[in-house]
C-alpha atoms as a PDB file:
ATOM      1  CA  MET A   1      59.293  74.617-105.827  1.00  0.00           C
ATOM      2  CA  SER A   2      59.134  72.718-109.145  1.00  0.00           C
ATOM      3  CA  PHE A   3      56.917  70.066-107.531  1.00  0.00           C
ATOM      4  CA  ILE A   4      54.243  72.671-106.732  1.00  0.00           C
ATOM      5  CA  GLY A   5      54.453  74.046-110.280  1.00  0.00           C
ATOM      6  CA  GLN A   6      54.010  70.554-111.751  1.00  0.00           C
ATOM      7  CA  GLU A   7      50.983  69.929-109.539  1.00  0.00           C
ATOM      8  CA  LEU A   8      49.382  73.256-110.538  1.00  0.00           C
ATOM      9  CA  ARG A   9      49.947  72.581-114.267  1.00  0.00           C
ATOM     10  CA  SER A  10      48.520  69.084-113.906  1.00  0.00           C
ATOM     11  CA  GLY A  11      45.454  70.399-112.090  1.00  0.00           C
ATOM     12  CA  LEU A  12      44.832  73.124-114.660  1.00  0.00           C
ATOM     13  CA  ASN A  13      45.167  70.612-117.524  1.00  0.00           C
ATOM     14  CA  LYS A  14      42.564  68.348-115.895  1.00  0.00           C
ATOM     15  CA  LEU A  15      40.211  71.296-115.437  1.00  0.00           C
ATOM     16  CA  ARG A  16      40.652  72.324-119.097  1.00  0.00           C
ATOM     17  CA  ARG A  17      39.713  68.817-120.269  1.00  0.00           C
ATOM     18  CA  LYS A  18      36.398  68.888-118.358  1.00  0.00           C
ATOM     19  CA  PRO A  19      34.898  72.388-118.729  1.00  0.00           C
ATOM     20  CA  GLY A  20      31.483  71.345-117.328  1.00  0.00           C
ATOM     21  CA  PHE A  21      33.043  70.121-114.100  1.00  0.00           C
ATOM     22  CA  THR A  22      35.167  73.286-113.922  1.00  0.00           C
ATOM     23  CA  VAL A  23      32.155  75.608-114.310  1.00  0.00           C
ATOM     24  CA  LEU A  24      30.125  73.621-111.757  1.00  0.00           C
ATOM     25  CA  SER A  25      33.022  73.656-109.274  1.00  0.00           C
ATOM     26  CA  VAL A  26      33.500  77.414-109.613  1.00  0.00           C
ATOM     27  CA  LEU A  27      29.748  78.038-109.194  1.00  0.00           C
ATOM     28  CA  ILE A  28      29.538  75.857-106.087  1.00  0.00           C
ATOM     29  CA  LEU A  29      32.597  77.537-104.571  1.00  0.00           C
ATOM     30  CA  GLY A  30      31.165  81.000-105.342  1.00  0.00           C
ATOM     31  CA  LEU A  31      27.797  80.080-103.839  1.00  0.00           C
ATOM     32  CA  GLY A  32      29.441  78.677-100.704  1.00  0.00           C
ATOM     33  CA  ILE A  33      31.590  81.764-100.228  1.00  0.00           C
ATOM     34  CA  GLY A  34      28.597  84.073-100.795  1.00  0.00           C
ATOM     35  CA  VAL A  35      26.431  82.234 -98.258  1.00  0.00           C
ATOM     36  CA  ASN A  36      29.280  82.237 -95.752  1.00  0.00           C
ATOM     37  CA  VAL A  37      29.809  85.983 -96.122  1.00  0.00           C
ATOM     38  CA  SER A  38      26.098  86.798 -95.754  1.00  0.00           C
ATOM     39  CA  ILE A  39      25.677  84.600 -92.662  1.00  0.00           C
ATOM     40  CA  PHE A  40      28.748  86.136 -91.031  1.00  0.00           C
ATOM     41  CA  SER A  41      27.502  89.647 -91.863  1.00  0.00           C
ATOM     42  CA  ALA A  42      24.160  88.944 -90.180  1.00  0.00           C
ATOM     43  CA  VAL A  43      25.768  87.358 -87.101  1.00  0.00           C
ATOM     44  CA  ASN A  44      28.272  90.204 -86.860  1.00  0.00           C
ATOM     45  CA  ALA A  45      25.555  92.862 -87.073  1.00  0.00           C
ATOM     46  CA  VAL A  46      23.264  91.186 -84.528  1.00  0.00           C
ATOM     47  CA  LEU A  47      25.522  89.384 -82.059  1.00  0.00           C
ATOM     48  CA  LEU A  48      29.161  90.426 -82.303  1.00  0.00           C
ATOM     49  CA  ARG A  49      29.143  94.197 -82.816  1.00  0.00           C
ATOM     50  CA  PRO A  50      28.692  96.189 -79.575  1.00  0.00           C
ATOM     51  CA  LEU A  51      25.531  98.232 -79.097  1.00  0.00           C
ATOM     52  CA  PRO A  52      25.750 101.815 -80.430  1.00  0.00           C
ATOM     53  CA  TYR A  53      25.738 103.392 -76.964  1.00  0.00           C
ATOM     54  CA  SER A  54      28.534 105.046 -75.013  1.00  0.00           C
ATOM     55  CA  ASN A  55      28.608 102.342 -72.268  1.00  0.00           C
ATOM     56  CA  PRO A  56      26.655  99.293 -73.488  1.00  0.00           C
ATOM     57  CA  ASP A  57      27.823  97.131 -70.578  1.00  0.00           C
ATOM     58  CA  GLU A  58      26.008  99.456 -68.154  1.00  0.00           C
ATOM     59  CA  LEU A  59      22.560  99.173 -69.785  1.00  0.00           C
ATOM     60  CA  VAL A  60      19.820  97.293 -67.939  1.00  0.00           C
ATOM     61  CA  MET A  61      16.163  96.603 -68.675  1.00  0.00           C
ATOM     62  CA  LEU A  62      13.699  96.962 -65.825  1.00  0.00           C
ATOM     63  CA  SER A  63      10.274  95.372 -65.575  1.00  0.00           C
ATOM     64  CA  GLU A  64       7.689  95.012 -62.877  1.00  0.00           C
ATOM     65  CA  ARG A  65       5.756  92.038 -61.555  1.00  0.00           C
ATOM     66  CA  ASN A  66       2.385  91.987 -59.795  1.00  0.00           C
ATOM     67  CA  LEU A  67       2.797  89.484 -56.939  1.00  0.00           C
ATOM     68  CA  LYS A  68      -0.725  89.998 -55.568  1.00  0.00           C
ATOM     69  CA  ALA A  69      -2.355  88.968 -58.858  1.00  0.00           C
ATOM     70  CA  ASP A  70       0.414  86.382 -59.529  1.00  0.00           C
ATOM     71  CA  LEU A  71       1.148  87.925 -62.926  1.00  0.00           C
ATOM     72  CA  PRO A  72       4.475  87.396 -64.686  1.00  0.00           C
ATOM     73  CA  LYS A  73       6.813  90.290 -65.336  1.00  0.00           C
ATOM     74  CA  GLY A  74       5.445  92.805 -67.778  1.00  0.00           C
ATOM     75  CA  PRO A  75       5.828  96.340 -69.026  1.00  0.00           C
ATOM     76  CA  VAL A  76       6.268  99.129 -66.524  1.00  0.00           C
ATOM     77  CA  SER A  77       3.277 101.391 -65.962  1.00  0.00           C
ATOM     78  CA  PRO A  78       3.715 105.125 -66.571  1.00  0.00           C
ATOM     79  CA  ALA A  79       3.105 105.833 -62.850  1.00  0.00           C
ATOM     80  CA  THR A  80       5.899 103.421 -61.844  1.00  0.00           C
ATOM     81  CA  TYR A  81       8.231 105.019 -64.402  1.00  0.00           C
ATOM     82  CA  ILE A  82       7.587 108.462 -62.882  1.00  0.00           C
ATOM     83  CA  ASP A  83       8.208 107.095 -59.387  1.00  0.00           C
ATOM     84  CA  TRP A  84      11.480 105.455 -60.494  1.00  0.00           C
ATOM     85  CA  THR A  85      12.763 108.634 -62.153  1.00  0.00           C
ATOM     86  CA  GLN A  86      12.036 110.647 -58.998  1.00  0.00           C
ATOM     87  CA  GLN A  87      13.319 108.140 -56.423  1.00  0.00           C
ATOM     88  CA  ALA A  88      16.003 105.946 -58.002  1.00  0.00           C
ATOM     89  CA  GLY A  89      19.470 107.138 -57.131  1.00  0.00           C
ATOM     90  CA  SER A  90      21.318 104.115 -58.536  1.00  0.00           C
ATOM     91  CA  PHE A  91      20.776 105.017 -62.187  1.00  0.00           C
ATOM     92  CA  GLN A  92      22.216 107.899 -64.165  1.00  0.00           C
ATOM     93  CA  GLN A  93      19.174 107.917 -66.412  1.00  0.00           C
ATOM     94  CA  ILE A  94      15.939 105.972 -66.848  1.00  0.00           C
ATOM     95  CA  GLY A  95      14.118 105.775 -70.181  1.00  0.00           C
ATOM     96  CA  TYR A  96      10.635 104.523 -70.980  1.00  0.00           C
ATOM     97  CA  SER A  97       9.176 103.030 -74.120  1.00  0.00           C
ATOM     98  CA  ARG A  98       5.834 101.354 -74.698  1.00  0.00           C
ATOM     99  CA  SER A  99       3.882 100.516 -77.835  1.00  0.00           C
ATOM    100  CA  ALA A 100       0.293  99.536 -78.455  1.00  0.00           C
ATOM    101  CA  THR A 101      -1.773  98.693 -81.530  1.00  0.00           C
ATOM    102  CA  TYR A 102      -5.309 100.010 -81.900  1.00  0.00           C
ATOM    103  CA  SER A 103      -8.078  99.710 -84.480  1.00  0.00           C
ATOM    104  CA  LEU A 104      -9.185 103.059 -85.835  1.00  0.00           C
ATOM    105  CA  THR A 105     -12.794 102.966 -87.018  1.00  0.00           C
ATOM    106  CA  GLY A 106     -15.089 105.503 -88.550  1.00  0.00           C
ATOM    107  CA  SER A 107     -16.331 105.785 -92.100  1.00  0.00           C
ATOM    108  CA  GLY A 108     -14.914 103.025 -94.265  1.00  0.00           C
ATOM    109  CA  ALA A 109     -12.782 100.051 -93.282  1.00  0.00           C
ATOM    110  CA  ALA A 110     -11.019  99.869 -89.939  1.00  0.00           C
ATOM    111  CA  ALA A 111      -7.308 100.678 -89.930  1.00  0.00           C
ATOM    112  CA  GLN A 112      -4.642  99.348 -87.571  1.00  0.00           C
ATOM    113  CA  ILE A 113      -2.456 102.032 -86.015  1.00  0.00           C
ATOM    114  CA  GLN A 114       0.518 101.608 -83.706  1.00  0.00           C
ATOM    115  CA  ILE A 115       1.319 104.158 -81.032  1.00  0.00           C
ATOM    116  CA  ILE A 116       4.772 104.359 -79.432  1.00  0.00           C
ATOM    117  CA  ILE A 117       5.153 106.286 -76.184  1.00  0.00           C
ATOM    118  CA  GLU A 118       8.664 107.205 -75.052  1.00  0.00           C
ATOM    119  CA  GLY A 119       9.937 109.087 -72.089  1.00  0.00           C
ATOM    120  CA  GLN A 120      13.580 109.898 -71.398  1.00  0.00           C
ATOM    121  CA  SER A 121      15.956 112.804 -71.317  1.00  0.00           C
ATOM    122  CA  SER A 122      17.369 114.460 -74.406  1.00  0.00           C
ATOM    123  CA  ASP A 123      20.315 112.120 -74.875  1.00  0.00           C
ATOM    124  CA  GLY A 124      19.312 108.491 -74.574  1.00  0.00           C
ATOM    125  CA  ALA A 125      22.108 106.353 -73.095  1.00  0.00           C
ATOM    126  CA  GLY A 126      24.837 108.592 -74.441  1.00  0.00           C
ATOM    127  CA  THR A 127      23.515 108.903 -78.002  1.00  0.00           C
ATOM    128  CA  PRO A 128      22.005 112.252 -79.001  1.00  0.00           C
ATOM    129  CA  ARG A 129      18.608 112.194 -80.671  1.00  0.00           C
ATOM    130  CA  LEU A 130      18.245 112.981 -84.342  1.00  0.00           C
ATOM    131  CA  ASN A 131      16.497 116.161 -85.467  1.00  0.00           C
ATOM    132  CA  GLY A 132      12.743 115.721 -85.406  1.00  0.00           C
ATOM    133  CA  ARG A 133      12.889 112.736 -83.027  1.00  0.00           C
ATOM    134  CA  SER A 134      12.827 114.474 -79.664  1.00  0.00           C
END
């Protein structure tokens, strides 16, 4: 135990003799720890934490593809969504969301507006909607 105490005293004495090096070392360590914490927080929020739904492992995303026109997969049309909700027995619930950006013109400069269309039942994937959002 005395060996560790001697080493600590020796290290502290060396740090006291060179205050510039000590301040720089503490700043670099603090910066490294801060960057590490912020990167982990971002990764945890985006990748590691489960989705805020009751059964996130049961969620799927559906899309449709036009084979006749040889188009890649794209958003589902409203008519297809209605057909799926009426005919699909494999899903407990099907939701729909689509957004589009339009230019609104008239008197003055044109303005960009974004419209979001959603269709689903009152509780989306096990999470109740907030007041004013349904």
